[in-house]
């Protein structure tokens, strides 16, 4: 991954914030919740220009697609289980 500037990183987090605004994400206990962008860390940019974010607590990934939509992988593989629990909520 090329090194991103501070402005690029800020831009990706702003886009994530917008994408999460009206989205409920699943949790391991069942009820959905609306996480904030601050719960995620930017991990990489894929070859398809999707931005990979990893949730601080659950360690699961979601991807911000170039069109601004979110893709949440739901598999049995580690880090792609599709739930986003938080110790505070």
C-alpha atoms as a PDB file:
ATOM      1  CA  UNK A   1       0.000   0.000   0.000  1.00  0.00           C
ATOM      2  CA  UNK A   2       1.332   3.400  -0.886  1.00  0.00           C
ATOM      3  CA  UNK A   3       1.791   5.792   1.975  1.00  0.00           C
ATOM      4  CA  UNK A   4      -1.289   7.964   2.367  1.00  0.00           C
ATOM      5  CA  UNK A   5      -1.181  11.633   3.250  1.00  0.00           C
ATOM      6  CA  UNK A   6      -2.968  12.931   6.320  1.00  0.00           C
ATOM      7  CA  UNK A   7      -5.550  14.573   4.030  1.00  0.00           C
ATOM      8  CA  UNK A   8      -6.222  11.298   2.184  1.00  0.00           C
ATOM      9  CA  UNK A   9      -6.700   9.435   5.445  1.00  0.00           C
ATOM     10  CA  UNK A  10      -9.039  12.130   6.747  1.00  0.00           C
ATOM     11  CA  UNK A  11     -10.994  11.987   3.475  1.00  0.00           C
ATOM     12  CA  UNK A  12     -11.467   8.212   3.732  1.00  0.00           C
ATOM     13  CA  UNK A  13     -12.706   8.498   7.306  1.00  0.00           C
ATOM     14  CA  UNK A  14     -15.162  11.240   6.314  1.00  0.00           C
ATOM     15  CA  UNK A  15     -16.477   8.977   3.545  1.00  0.00           C
ATOM     16  CA  UNK A  16     -16.801   6.118   6.037  1.00  0.00           C
ATOM     17  CA  UNK A  17     -18.673   8.415   8.412  1.00  0.00           C
ATOM     18  CA  UNK A  18     -21.183   9.261   5.649  1.00  0.00           C
ATOM     19  CA  UNK A  19     -21.559   5.609   4.631  1.00  0.00           C
ATOM     20  CA  UNK A  20     -22.222   4.531   8.239  1.00  0.00           C
ATOM     21  CA  UNK A  21     -24.748   7.306   8.883  1.00  0.00           C
ATOM     22  CA  UNK A  22     -27.896   5.302   8.077  1.00  0.00           C
ATOM     23  CA  UNK A  23     -26.511   1.775   8.390  1.00  0.00           C
ATOM     24  CA  UNK A  24     -27.076  -0.761  11.129  1.00  0.00           C
ATOM     25  CA  UNK A  25     -24.412  -3.442  11.454  1.00  0.00           C
ATOM     26  CA  UNK A  26     -24.909  -6.803  13.112  1.00  0.00           C
ATOM     27  CA  UNK A  27     -23.479  -7.930  16.420  1.00  0.00           C
ATOM     28  CA  UNK A  28     -22.643 -11.395  17.691  1.00  0.00           C
ATOM     29  CA  UNK A  29     -25.489 -11.178  20.216  1.00  0.00           C
ATOM     30  CA  UNK A  30     -28.120 -10.360  17.593  1.00  0.00           C
ATOM     31  CA  UNK A  31     -29.287  -6.730  17.826  1.00  0.00           C
ATOM     32  CA  UNK A  32     -27.896  -4.398  15.197  1.00  0.00           C
ATOM     33  CA  UNK A  33     -26.133  -1.177  16.055  1.00  0.00           C
ATOM     34  CA  UNK A  34     -24.896   1.947  14.347  1.00  0.00           C
ATOM     35  CA  UNK A  35     -21.136   2.234  14.902  1.00  0.00           C
ATOM     36  CA  UNK A  36     -19.174   5.430  14.386  1.00  0.00           C
ATOM     37  CA  UNK A  37     -16.214   5.824  12.056  1.00  0.00           C
ATOM     38  CA  UNK A  38     -13.962   6.311  15.100  1.00  0.00           C
ATOM     39  CA  UNK A  39     -14.444   2.616  15.953  1.00  0.00           C
ATOM     40  CA  UNK A  40     -12.433   1.629  12.868  1.00  0.00           C
ATOM     41  CA  UNK A  41      -8.834   1.772  11.702  1.00  0.00           C
ATOM     42  CA  UNK A  42      -7.866   2.149   8.060  1.00  0.00           C
ATOM     43  CA  UNK A  43      -5.952  -0.943   6.999  1.00  0.00           C
ATOM     44  CA  UNK A  44      -5.399  -0.818   3.232  1.00  0.00           C
ATOM     45  CA  UNK A  45      -6.623   0.100  -0.215  1.00  0.00           C
ATOM     46  CA  UNK A  46      -7.451  -2.929  -2.361  1.00  0.00           C
ATOM     47  CA  UNK A  47      -6.526  -3.355  -6.018  1.00  0.00           C
ATOM     48  CA  UNK A  48     -10.186  -2.535  -6.783  1.00  0.00           C
ATOM     49  CA  UNK A  49      -9.808   0.793  -4.894  1.00  0.00           C
ATOM     50  CA  UNK A  50     -11.978  -0.324  -1.992  1.00  0.00           C
ATOM     51  CA  UNK A  51     -10.809   0.913   1.382  1.00  0.00           C
ATOM     52  CA  UNK A  52     -10.469  -1.781   4.049  1.00  0.00           C
ATOM     53  CA  UNK A  53     -11.353  -0.749   7.605  1.00  0.00           C
ATOM     54  CA  UNK A  54     -10.947  -2.982  10.650  1.00  0.00           C
ATOM     55  CA  UNK A  55     -13.161  -2.587  13.717  1.00  0.00           C
ATOM     56  CA  UNK A  56     -11.131  -1.906  16.875  1.00  0.00           C
ATOM     57  CA  UNK A  57     -13.080  -4.227  19.151  1.00  0.00           C
ATOM     58  CA  UNK A  58     -14.482  -7.077  17.024  1.00  0.00           C
ATOM     59  CA  UNK A  59     -11.474  -7.020  14.643  1.00  0.00           C
ATOM     60  CA  UNK A  60     -13.818  -7.627  11.703  1.00  0.00           C
ATOM     61  CA  UNK A  61     -13.427  -5.850   8.400  1.00  0.00           C
ATOM     62  CA  UNK A  62     -15.729  -3.805   6.257  1.00  0.00           C
ATOM     63  CA  UNK A  63     -14.910  -2.226   2.911  1.00  0.00           C
ATOM     64  CA  UNK A  64     -15.790   1.208   1.593  1.00  0.00           C
ATOM     65  CA  UNK A  65     -16.340   0.768  -2.126  1.00  0.00           C
ATOM     66  CA  UNK A  66     -15.391   3.456  -4.674  1.00  0.00           C
ATOM     67  CA  UNK A  67     -19.105   4.305  -5.136  1.00  0.00           C
ATOM     68  CA  UNK A  68     -19.420   5.117  -1.401  1.00  0.00           C
ATOM     69  CA  UNK A  69     -21.320   1.961  -0.445  1.00  0.00           C
ATOM     70  CA  UNK A  70     -20.215  -0.441   2.275  1.00  0.00           C
ATOM     71  CA  UNK A  71     -19.438  -4.095   1.734  1.00  0.00           C
ATOM     72  CA  UNK A  72     -19.483  -6.245   4.869  1.00  0.00           C
ATOM     73  CA  UNK A  73     -18.102  -9.764   4.330  1.00  0.00           C
ATOM     74  CA  UNK A  74     -19.997 -12.393   6.309  1.00  0.00           C
ATOM     75  CA  UNK A  75     -18.088 -15.673   6.403  1.00  0.00           C
ATOM     76  CA  UNK A  76     -16.772 -18.154   8.942  1.00  0.00           C
ATOM     77  CA  UNK A  77     -13.250 -16.835   8.394  1.00  0.00           C
ATOM     78  CA  UNK A  78     -11.499 -14.791  11.055  1.00  0.00           C
ATOM     79  CA  UNK A  79     -11.890 -11.029  10.615  1.00  0.00           C
ATOM     80  CA  UNK A  80     -14.754 -11.468   8.117  1.00  0.00           C
ATOM     81  CA  UNK A  81     -17.591 -12.591  10.357  1.00  0.00           C
ATOM     82  CA  UNK A  82     -19.785  -9.535   9.737  1.00  0.00           C
ATOM     83  CA  UNK A  83     -20.433  -8.463  13.331  1.00  0.00           C
ATOM     84  CA  UNK A  84     -19.309  -5.293  15.053  1.00  0.00           C
ATOM     85  CA  UNK A  85     -19.742  -5.573  18.811  1.00  0.00           C
ATOM     86  CA  UNK A  86     -18.598  -2.802  21.105  1.00  0.00           C
ATOM     87  CA  UNK A  87     -17.791  -3.010  24.813  1.00  0.00           C
ATOM     88  CA  UNK A  88     -19.636   0.249  25.420  1.00  0.00           C
ATOM     89  CA  UNK A  89     -22.994  -0.625  23.720  1.00  0.00           C
END
